[in-house]
Structures are given as structure tokens and as C-alpha cells.
C-alpha atoms as a PDB file:
ATOM      1  CA  MET A   1      48.211  -0.759   7.725  1.00  0.00           C
ATOM      2  CA  THR A   2      46.832   2.543   6.457  1.00  0.00           C
ATOM      3  CA  LEU A   3      43.645   2.406   4.406  1.00  0.00           C
ATOM      4  CA  ASN A   4      43.186   4.704   1.440  1.00  0.00           C
ATOM      5  CA  ILE A   5      40.130   6.531   2.784  1.00  0.00           C
ATOM      6  CA  ALA A   6      39.584  10.251   2.244  1.00  0.00           C
ATOM      7  CA  ALA A   7      37.223  11.916   4.699  1.00  0.00           C
ATOM      8  CA  GLU A   8      35.974  15.448   5.168  1.00  0.00           C
ATOM      9  CA  GLY A   9      34.161  14.766   8.440  1.00  0.00           C
ATOM     10  CA  PHE A  10      33.792  12.206  11.218  1.00  0.00           C
ATOM     11  CA  LEU A  11      30.701  10.833  12.963  1.00  0.00           C
ATOM     12  CA  PHE A  12      30.894   8.972  16.288  1.00  0.00           C
ATOM     13  CA  ASP A  13      28.381   6.890  18.169  1.00  0.00           C
ATOM     14  CA  MET A  14      28.522   7.624  21.912  1.00  0.00           C
ATOM     15  CA  ASP A  15      27.577   4.789  24.281  1.00  0.00           C
ATOM     16  CA  GLY A  16      29.982   1.868  24.036  1.00  0.00           C
ATOM     17  CA  LEU A  17      32.100   3.664  21.429  1.00  0.00           C
ATOM     18  CA  LEU A  18      33.362   6.938  22.915  1.00  0.00           C
ATOM     19  CA  LEU A  19      32.099   6.351  26.442  1.00  0.00           C
ATOM     20  CA  ASP A  20      32.110   3.136  28.454  1.00  0.00           C
ATOM     21  CA  THR A  21      28.535   3.844  29.509  1.00  0.00           C
ATOM     22  CA  GLU A  22      27.106   0.516  28.339  1.00  0.00           C
ATOM     23  CA  ARG A  23      28.807  -1.193  31.274  1.00  0.00           C
ATOM     24  CA  LEU A  24      27.388   1.421  33.624  1.00  0.00           C
ATOM     25  CA  PHE A  25      23.926   0.775  32.166  1.00  0.00           C
ATOM     26  CA  LEU A  26      24.512  -2.968  32.589  1.00  0.00           C
ATOM     27  CA  ARG A  27      25.611  -2.578  36.209  1.00  0.00           C
ATOM     28  CA  ALA A  28      22.427  -0.673  37.032  1.00  0.00           C
ATOM     29  CA  PHE A  29      20.305  -3.154  35.062  1.00  0.00           C
ATOM     30  CA  LEU A  30      21.729  -6.140  36.937  1.00  0.00           C
ATOM     31  CA  THR A  31      21.020  -4.431  40.249  1.00  0.00           C
ATOM     32  CA  MET A  32      17.403  -3.898  39.226  1.00  0.00           C
ATOM     33  CA  THR A  33      16.818  -7.369  37.779  1.00  0.00           C
ATOM     34  CA  THR A  34      18.506  -9.157  40.689  1.00  0.00           C
ATOM     35  CA  ASP A  35      15.948  -7.526  42.959  1.00  0.00           C
ATOM     36  CA  LEU A  36      13.273  -9.115  40.742  1.00  0.00           C
ATOM     37  CA  GLY A  37      14.830 -12.570  41.071  1.00  0.00           C
ATOM     38  CA  ILE A  38      16.197 -12.710  37.513  1.00  0.00           C
ATOM     39  CA  ALA A  39      19.481 -14.594  37.125  1.00  0.00           C
ATOM     40  CA  ALA A  40      22.426 -12.365  36.239  1.00  0.00           C
ATOM     41  CA  ALA A  41      23.410 -14.437  33.190  1.00  0.00           C
ATOM     42  CA  LYS A  42      19.879 -14.233  31.786  1.00  0.00           C
ATOM     43  CA  ALA A  43      19.654 -10.502  32.455  1.00  0.00           C
ATOM     44  CA  GLU A  44      23.034  -9.788  30.860  1.00  0.00           C
ATOM     45  CA  ALA A  45      22.189 -11.815  27.751  1.00  0.00           C
ATOM     46  CA  PHE A  46      18.979  -9.816  27.396  1.00  0.00           C
ATOM     47  CA  PHE A  47      20.745  -6.504  28.003  1.00  0.00           C
ATOM     48  CA  VAL A  48      23.037  -7.128  25.031  1.00  0.00           C
ATOM     49  CA  THR A  49      19.946  -7.132  22.785  1.00  0.00           C
ATOM     50  CA  LEU A  50      19.227  -3.551  23.872  1.00  0.00           C
ATOM     51  CA  VAL A  51      22.600  -2.151  22.804  1.00  0.00           C
ATOM     52  CA  GLY A  52      22.150   0.484  20.119  1.00  0.00           C
ATOM     53  CA  THR A  53      18.352   0.574  20.309  1.00  0.00           C
ATOM     54  CA  SER A  54      16.150   3.616  20.818  1.00  0.00           C
ATOM     55  CA  SER A  55      14.277   4.342  24.051  1.00  0.00           C
ATOM     56  CA  ALA A  56      11.015   3.196  22.449  1.00  0.00           C
ATOM     57  CA  VAL A  57      12.467  -0.159  21.396  1.00  0.00           C
ATOM     58  CA  THR A  58      14.045  -0.651  24.820  1.00  0.00           C
ATOM     59  CA  THR A  59      10.696  -0.060  26.523  1.00  0.00           C
ATOM     60  CA  SER A  60       8.948  -2.512  24.201  1.00  0.00           C
ATOM     61  CA  ARG A  61      11.520  -5.243  24.805  1.00  0.00           C
ATOM     62  CA  LEU A  62      11.491  -4.672  28.555  1.00  0.00           C
ATOM     63  CA  SER A  63       7.744  -5.258  28.640  1.00  0.00           C
ATOM     64  CA  ALA A  64       8.255  -8.682  27.075  1.00  0.00           C
ATOM     65  CA  PHE A  65      11.227  -9.605  29.291  1.00  0.00           C
ATOM     66  CA  LEU A  66      10.303  -8.485  32.789  1.00  0.00           C
ATOM     67  CA  PRO A  67       7.981 -10.517  35.027  1.00  0.00           C
ATOM     68  CA  GLU A  68       4.264  -9.906  34.700  1.00  0.00           C
ATOM     69  CA  GLY A  69       3.058  -7.145  36.961  1.00  0.00           C
ATOM     70  CA  VAL A  70       6.213  -5.033  36.800  1.00  0.00           C
ATOM     71  CA  ASP A  71       5.427  -1.413  35.970  1.00  0.00           C
ATOM     72  CA  ILE A  72       7.654  -0.841  32.933  1.00  0.00           C
ATOM     73  CA  ALA A  73       7.670   2.954  33.194  1.00  0.00           C
ATOM     74  CA  GLU A  74       8.578   2.784  36.874  1.00  0.00           C
ATOM     75  CA  PHE A  75      11.293   0.185  36.252  1.00  0.00           C
ATOM     76  CA  ASP A  76      12.765   2.240  33.409  1.00  0.00           C
ATOM     77  CA  ALA A  77      12.777   5.432  35.484  1.00  0.00           C
ATOM     78  CA  GLU A  78      14.449   3.737  38.458  1.00  0.00           C
ATOM     79  CA  TRP A  79      16.981   2.082  36.157  1.00  0.00           C
ATOM     80  CA  ARG A  80      17.930   5.394  34.572  1.00  0.00           C
ATOM     81  CA  ASP A  81      18.139   7.106  37.971  1.00  0.00           C
ATOM     82  CA  LEU A  82      20.488   4.392  39.209  1.00  0.00           C
ATOM     83  CA  HIS A  83      22.532   4.739  36.023  1.00  0.00           C
ATOM     84  CA  LEU A  84      22.843   8.497  36.561  1.00  0.00           C
ATOM     85  CA  GLN A  85      24.109   7.833  40.082  1.00  0.00           C
ATOM     86  CA  ASN A  86      26.841   5.685  38.540  1.00  0.00           C
ATOM     87  CA  VAL A  87      27.575   8.354  35.924  1.00  0.00           C
ATOM     88  CA  ALA A  88      27.936  10.976  38.667  1.00  0.00           C
ATOM     89  CA  GLN A  89      30.957   9.043  39.904  1.00  0.00           C
ATOM     90  CA  GLY A  90      32.634   9.544  36.525  1.00  0.00           C
ATOM     91  CA  VAL A  91      32.128   8.488  32.915  1.00  0.00           C
ATOM     92  CA  PRO A  92      35.034   6.336  31.724  1.00  0.00           C
ATOM     93  CA  LEU A  93      36.253   6.858  28.170  1.00  0.00           C
ATOM     94  CA  LYS A  94      36.755   3.949  25.830  1.00  0.00           C
ATOM     95  CA  PRO A  95      40.409   3.340  24.880  1.00  0.00           C
ATOM     96  CA  HIS A  96      41.871   6.052  22.604  1.00  0.00           C
ATOM     97  CA  ALA A  97      38.608   8.013  22.411  1.00  0.00           C
ATOM     98  CA  ARG A  98      40.207  11.285  23.451  1.00  0.00           C
ATOM     99  CA  GLU A  99      43.272  10.755  21.266  1.00  0.00           C
ATOM    100  CA  ILE A 100      41.335  10.186  18.056  1.00  0.00           C
ATOM    101  CA  VAL A 101      38.980  13.138  18.603  1.00  0.00           C
ATOM    102  CA  ASP A 102      41.933  15.393  19.442  1.00  0.00           C
ATOM    103  CA  ALA A 103      43.722  14.218  16.280  1.00  0.00           C
ATOM    104  CA  ILE A 104      40.691  15.074  14.146  1.00  0.00           C
ATOM    105  CA  LYS A 105      40.344  18.517  15.728  1.00  0.00           C
ATOM    106  CA  ALA A 106      44.069  19.163  15.266  1.00  0.00           C
ATOM    107  CA  ARG A 107      43.541  18.706  11.520  1.00  0.00           C
ATOM    108  CA  GLY A 108      40.707  21.235  11.524  1.00  0.00           C
ATOM    109  CA  LEU A 109      38.120  18.678  10.422  1.00  0.00           C
ATOM    110  CA  PRO A 110      34.500  18.666  11.655  1.00  0.00           C
ATOM    111  CA  VAL A 111      33.265  15.956  14.000  1.00  0.00           C
ATOM    112  CA  ALA A 112      29.834  15.048  15.378  1.00  0.00           C
ATOM    113  CA  VAL A 113      28.229  12.595  17.764  1.00  0.00           C
ATOM    114  CA  VAL A 114      25.321  10.514  16.451  1.00  0.00           C
ATOM    115  CA  THR A 115      23.575   8.736  19.325  1.00  0.00           C
ATOM    116  CA  SER A 116      20.274   7.016  20.060  1.00  0.00           C
ATOM    117  CA  THR A 117      20.411   8.508  23.557  1.00  0.00           C
ATOM    118  CA  ARG A 118      18.099  11.453  24.211  1.00  0.00           C
ATOM    119  CA  ALA A 119      19.576  14.952  23.997  1.00  0.00           C
ATOM    120  CA  GLN A 120      19.613  15.837  27.694  1.00  0.00           C
ATOM    121  CA  PRO A 121      21.411  12.718  28.992  1.00  0.00           C
ATOM    122  CA  ALA A 122      23.702  12.706  25.944  1.00  0.00           C
ATOM    123  CA  ARG A 123      24.911  16.211  26.758  1.00  0.00           C
ATOM    124  CA  HIS A 124      25.246  15.315  30.444  1.00  0.00           C
ATOM    125  CA  HIS A 125      27.372  12.258  29.686  1.00  0.00           C
ATOM    126  CA  LEU A 126      29.623  14.107  27.240  1.00  0.00           C
ATOM    127  CA  GLU A 127      30.085  16.973  29.679  1.00  0.00           C
ATOM    128  CA  GLN A 128      30.930  14.540  32.472  1.00  0.00           C
ATOM    129  CA  ALA A 129      33.555  12.995  30.196  1.00  0.00           C
ATOM    130  CA  GLU A 130      34.870  16.473  29.234  1.00  0.00           C
ATOM    131  CA  LEU A 131      34.181  15.836  25.543  1.00  0.00           C
ATOM    132  CA  TRP A 132      31.145  18.039  24.866  1.00  0.00           C
ATOM    133  CA  SER A 133      33.084  21.112  23.734  1.00  0.00           C
ATOM    134  CA  LEU A 134      35.063  19.125  21.151  1.00  0.00           C
ATOM    135  CA  PHE A 135      32.103  18.314  18.910  1.00  0.00           C
ATOM    136  CA  ASP A 136      30.671  20.534  16.207  1.00  0.00           C
ATOM    137  CA  ALA A 137      27.264  18.859  16.474  1.00  0.00           C
ATOM    138  CA  VAL A 138      25.412  16.225  18.477  1.00  0.00           C
ATOM    139  CA  ILE A 139      22.496  14.340  16.916  1.00  0.00           C
ATOM    140  CA  ALA A 140      20.387  12.739  19.649  1.00  0.00           C
ATOM    141  CA  GLY A 141      17.763  10.028  19.454  1.00  0.00           C
ATOM    142  CA  ASP A 142      14.885  12.374  20.230  1.00  0.00           C
ATOM    143  CA  GLU A 143      15.955  14.841  17.530  1.00  0.00           C
ATOM    144  CA  VAL A 144      15.384  12.621  14.479  1.00  0.00           C
ATOM    145  CA  THR A 145      12.271  11.127  12.912  1.00  0.00           C
ATOM    146  CA  ALA A 146      13.700   7.590  12.800  1.00  0.00           C
ATOM    147  CA  ASN A 147      16.417   5.905  14.842  1.00  0.00           C
ATOM    148  CA  LYS A 148      19.148   3.378  14.060  1.00  0.00           C
ATOM    149  CA  PRO A 149      19.186   1.113  12.048  1.00  0.00           C
ATOM    150  CA  ASP A 150      17.469   3.723   9.870  1.00  0.00           C
ATOM    151  CA  PRO A 151      20.130   5.875   8.151  1.00  0.00           C
ATOM    152  CA  GLU A 152      18.425   9.138   9.164  1.00  0.00           C
ATOM    153  CA  PRO A 153      20.610   9.827  12.256  1.00  0.00           C
ATOM    154  CA  TYR A 154      23.812   9.604  10.212  1.00  0.00           C
ATOM    155  CA  LEU A 155      22.339  11.551   7.320  1.00  0.00           C
ATOM    156  CA  ALA A 156      21.348  14.232   9.840  1.00  0.00           C
ATOM    157  CA  GLY A 157      24.832  14.213  11.350  1.00  0.00           C
ATOM    158  CA  ALA A 158      26.450  14.736   7.966  1.00  0.00           C
ATOM    159  CA  ARG A 159      24.001  17.524   7.121  1.00  0.00           C
ATOM    160  CA  ARG A 160      24.810  19.313  10.377  1.00  0.00           C
ATOM    161  CA  LEU A 161      28.464  19.270   9.345  1.00  0.00           C
ATOM    162  CA  GLY A 162      27.538  20.579   5.888  1.00  0.00           C
ATOM    163  CA  LEU A 163      28.721  17.385   4.232  1.00  0.00           C
ATOM    164  CA  ALA A 164      27.454  14.412   2.277  1.00  0.00           C
ATOM    165  CA  ALA A 165      27.393  11.223   4.331  1.00  0.00           C
ATOM    166  CA  SER A 166      29.573   9.576   1.692  1.00  0.00           C
ATOM    167  CA  SER A 167      32.389  11.990   2.562  1.00  0.00           C
ATOM    168  CA  CYS A 168      32.275  11.046   6.266  1.00  0.00           C
ATOM    169  CA  ILE A 169      33.805   8.233   8.287  1.00  0.00           C
ATOM    170  CA  ALA A 170      31.519   6.788  10.967  1.00  0.00           C
ATOM    171  CA  PHE A 171      32.534   4.841  14.066  1.00  0.00           C
ATOM    172  CA  GLU A 172      30.077   2.440  15.703  1.00  0.00           C
ATOM    173  CA  ASP A 173      29.999  -0.456  18.148  1.00  0.00           C
ATOM    174  CA  SER A 174      26.541  -1.979  17.644  1.00  0.00           C
ATOM    175  CA  ASP A 175      25.099  -3.847  14.678  1.00  0.00           C
ATOM    176  CA  LEU A 176      22.128  -1.468  14.526  1.00  0.00           C
ATOM    177  CA  GLY A 177      24.352   1.587  14.465  1.00  0.00           C
ATOM    178  CA  THR A 178      26.699   0.049  11.921  1.00  0.00           C
ATOM    179  CA  THR A 179      23.733  -0.746   9.689  1.00  0.00           C
ATOM    180  CA  ALA A 180      22.529   2.851   9.953  1.00  0.00           C
ATOM    181  CA  ALA A 181      25.917   4.316   9.084  1.00  0.00           C
ATOM    182  CA  VAL A 182      26.507   1.977   6.145  1.00  0.00           C
ATOM    183  CA  ARG A 183      23.006   2.626   4.791  1.00  0.00           C
ATOM    184  CA  ALA A 184      23.653   6.366   5.028  1.00  0.00           C
ATOM    185  CA  GLY A 185      26.688   5.929   2.785  1.00  0.00           C
ATOM    186  CA  CYS A 186      29.447   6.494   5.347  1.00  0.00           C
ATOM    187  CA  HIS A 187      32.656   4.507   5.336  1.00  0.00           C
ATOM    188  CA  THR A 188      32.039   2.730   8.617  1.00  0.00           C
ATOM    189  CA  PHE A 189      34.283   1.252  11.285  1.00  0.00           C
ATOM    190  CA  GLN A 190      32.671  -1.202  13.692  1.00  0.00           C
ATOM    191  CA  ILE A 191      34.371  -1.612  17.056  1.00  0.00           C
ATOM    192  CA  PRO A 192      32.339  -4.210  18.981  1.00  0.00           C
ATOM    193  CA  ASP A 193      31.693  -3.582  22.669  1.00  0.00           C
ATOM    194  CA  LEU A 194      29.321  -5.737  24.747  1.00  0.00           C
ATOM    195  CA  ARG A 195      28.555  -8.738  22.576  1.00  0.00           C
ATOM    196  CA  SER A 196      27.695 -12.413  22.958  1.00  0.00           C
ATOM    197  CA  ALA A 197      30.630 -14.540  21.844  1.00  0.00           C
ATOM    198  CA  ASP A 198      28.366 -16.748  19.733  1.00  0.00           C
ATOM    199  CA  VAL A 199      26.889 -13.868  17.722  1.00  0.00           C
ATOM    200  CA  PRO A 200      28.897 -13.204  14.531  1.00  0.00           C
ATOM    201  CA  LEU A 201      29.412  -9.697  13.227  1.00  0.00           C
ATOM    202  CA  PRO A 202      27.208  -8.870  10.233  1.00  0.00           C
ATOM    203  CA  ASP A 203      28.856  -8.518   6.839  1.00  0.00           C
ATOM    204  CA  LEU A 204      27.758  -5.020   5.856  1.00  0.00           C
ATOM    205  CA  GLY A 205      30.878  -3.822   4.113  1.00  0.00           C
ATOM    206  CA  GLN A 206      32.165  -2.166   7.278  1.00  0.00           C
ATOM    207  CA  THR A 207      35.762  -2.218   8.502  1.00  0.00           C
ATOM    208  CA  ILE A 208      36.243  -4.063  11.799  1.00  0.00           C
ATOM    209  CA  ALA A 209      38.690  -2.679  14.366  1.00  0.00           C
ATOM    210  CA  ARG A 210      39.506  -3.838  17.895  1.00  0.00           C
ATOM    211  CA  ASP A 211      39.444  -0.282  19.281  1.00  0.00           C
ATOM    212  CA  LEU A 212      39.499   3.370  18.258  1.00  0.00           C
ATOM    213  CA  GLY A 213      43.279   3.319  18.348  1.00  0.00           C
ATOM    214  CA  GLN A 214      43.479   0.725  15.594  1.00  0.00           C
ATOM    215  CA  ALA A 215      40.832   2.562  13.583  1.00  0.00           C
ATOM    216  CA  GLY A 216      42.798   5.796  13.981  1.00  0.00           C
ATOM    217  CA  GLU A 217      45.950   4.092  12.745  1.00  0.00           C
ATOM    218  CA  ASP A 218      44.127   2.559   9.795  1.00  0.00           C
ATOM    219  CA  ILE A 219      43.097   5.988   8.505  1.00  0.00           C
ATOM    220  CA  GLY A 220      46.355   7.726   9.376  1.00  0.00           C
ATOM    221  CA  LEU A 221      45.048   9.787  12.298  1.00  0.00           C
ATOM    222  CA  LEU A 222      47.084   8.082  15.012  1.00  0.00           C
ATOM    223  CA  ASP A 223      50.599   6.714  15.110  1.00  0.00           C
ATOM    224  CA  GLY A 224      51.304   3.441  16.868  1.00  0.00           C
ATOM    225  CA  CYS A 225      53.355   5.284  19.471  1.00  0.00           C
ATOM    226  CA  LEU A 226      50.212   7.112  20.647  1.00  0.00           C
ATOM    227  CA  ARG A 227      48.559   3.819  21.539  1.00  0.00           C
ATOM    228  CA  LYS A 228      51.252   2.437  23.850  1.00  0.00           C
END
């Protein structure tokens, strides 16, 4: 099925959408919380609530979740250091991430990353995945005045491409990011990543796809043969 959607630019979330970094974050988180005596199932269920949030929100939620007496700043720093050790071994791409970005670039259309991750680690992750040079702009979480679910990151991404958000297609995995993109006026694809099975997807007017390959087919960027 090909949807009748015209787009002048494309905006991509990063973690859990282009890059399989959420699982690397989770692996490091489980290592840290196991050392604190927290059951893996409990820690993983909590981690899912952090997906798509800003650093400030993550810190606030950690303070409520972790045992009393844990230094939140120290925990967060050690967690991120452990995550970077995992990243140094390679950043896996999500299925069809490279194909869809290459297809957009082949058509001469602008493309940006819109992420809640801070600028320095965002660049590091994209460089590790050999994607950095493909993007015309990267909007990071510490470069905007408000983070997802506020529409500002996607509005900023569209502005950096010289476009109205309504002329862009956005790709997201999280509910917060999807909300931000829809509120900005983008036609939005949601491709769920880490998610509790009992949590339904919100009805925001977004298009749901199982992966970037299906989304690429739906808008005529990818042929089915490219996804085999």
C-alpha cells in the first residue's frame, strides 16, 4: 500500500528508531540496578517509562525509583559511562534505517535527526553508526527550549531544513516523540520499539508501521524487494 503523502523533508528520531541504542541503554541499566538488588523485571518495566524522555525527566524519575541513599548523579554518570562502553563495541542500526535514509538522499530531499539526546552523545552515536554525514541537521535535546512531547524539537528541525513542519514526514518510536511530531504538524509514522505489551498505542492521528521498511514502502521510498 502506498499512501498519498507529499513531503519536502524528513525528520527522524534517533534512539530506538534509527539506532538500536535503547537496548544498549537497557543492558547497562539492568547491570546497574542488579547491583542494587532490583529485580530485572521491575527494572525493565521502569526503563520503558524513560523511553523518549529528556535527561531532566529521566533524572527526576530515577530519584523516585532508586533505593533511598543512592546518589542519583553518580548513578546516572556510571550508567552513561557503561552505556558508552557498550556503544564503543558498535551501534546497531534498526532494520532498514540505512536504506530509507539513502533513498531520501538519492531523491535530493533534506533530512534531519530530532532527538532528546544531548548534542555530544548524539553526534558520537551517529558517527559510530556511520550516519552522521547523511543528515542536513541534527536537533539535540540540549539545543531546544522544551523537549518532547512539546512540539518545539520538531518545529526546530523543520526550520533548520527551511521548511514548514506540515511539509515534513516524521518518524518516531515513543509516545512522547510521536505526540511532539503530531503537535508540530508533521505527518507522523510511529514505529514502536521497547514497549510493554499491555500498553496500547495512543490514537494521535499517526500512521503505525512495524519498521522503517514498511514506512518507506507506504510513502513510496522503498520497494518490497529492498526489504528482503
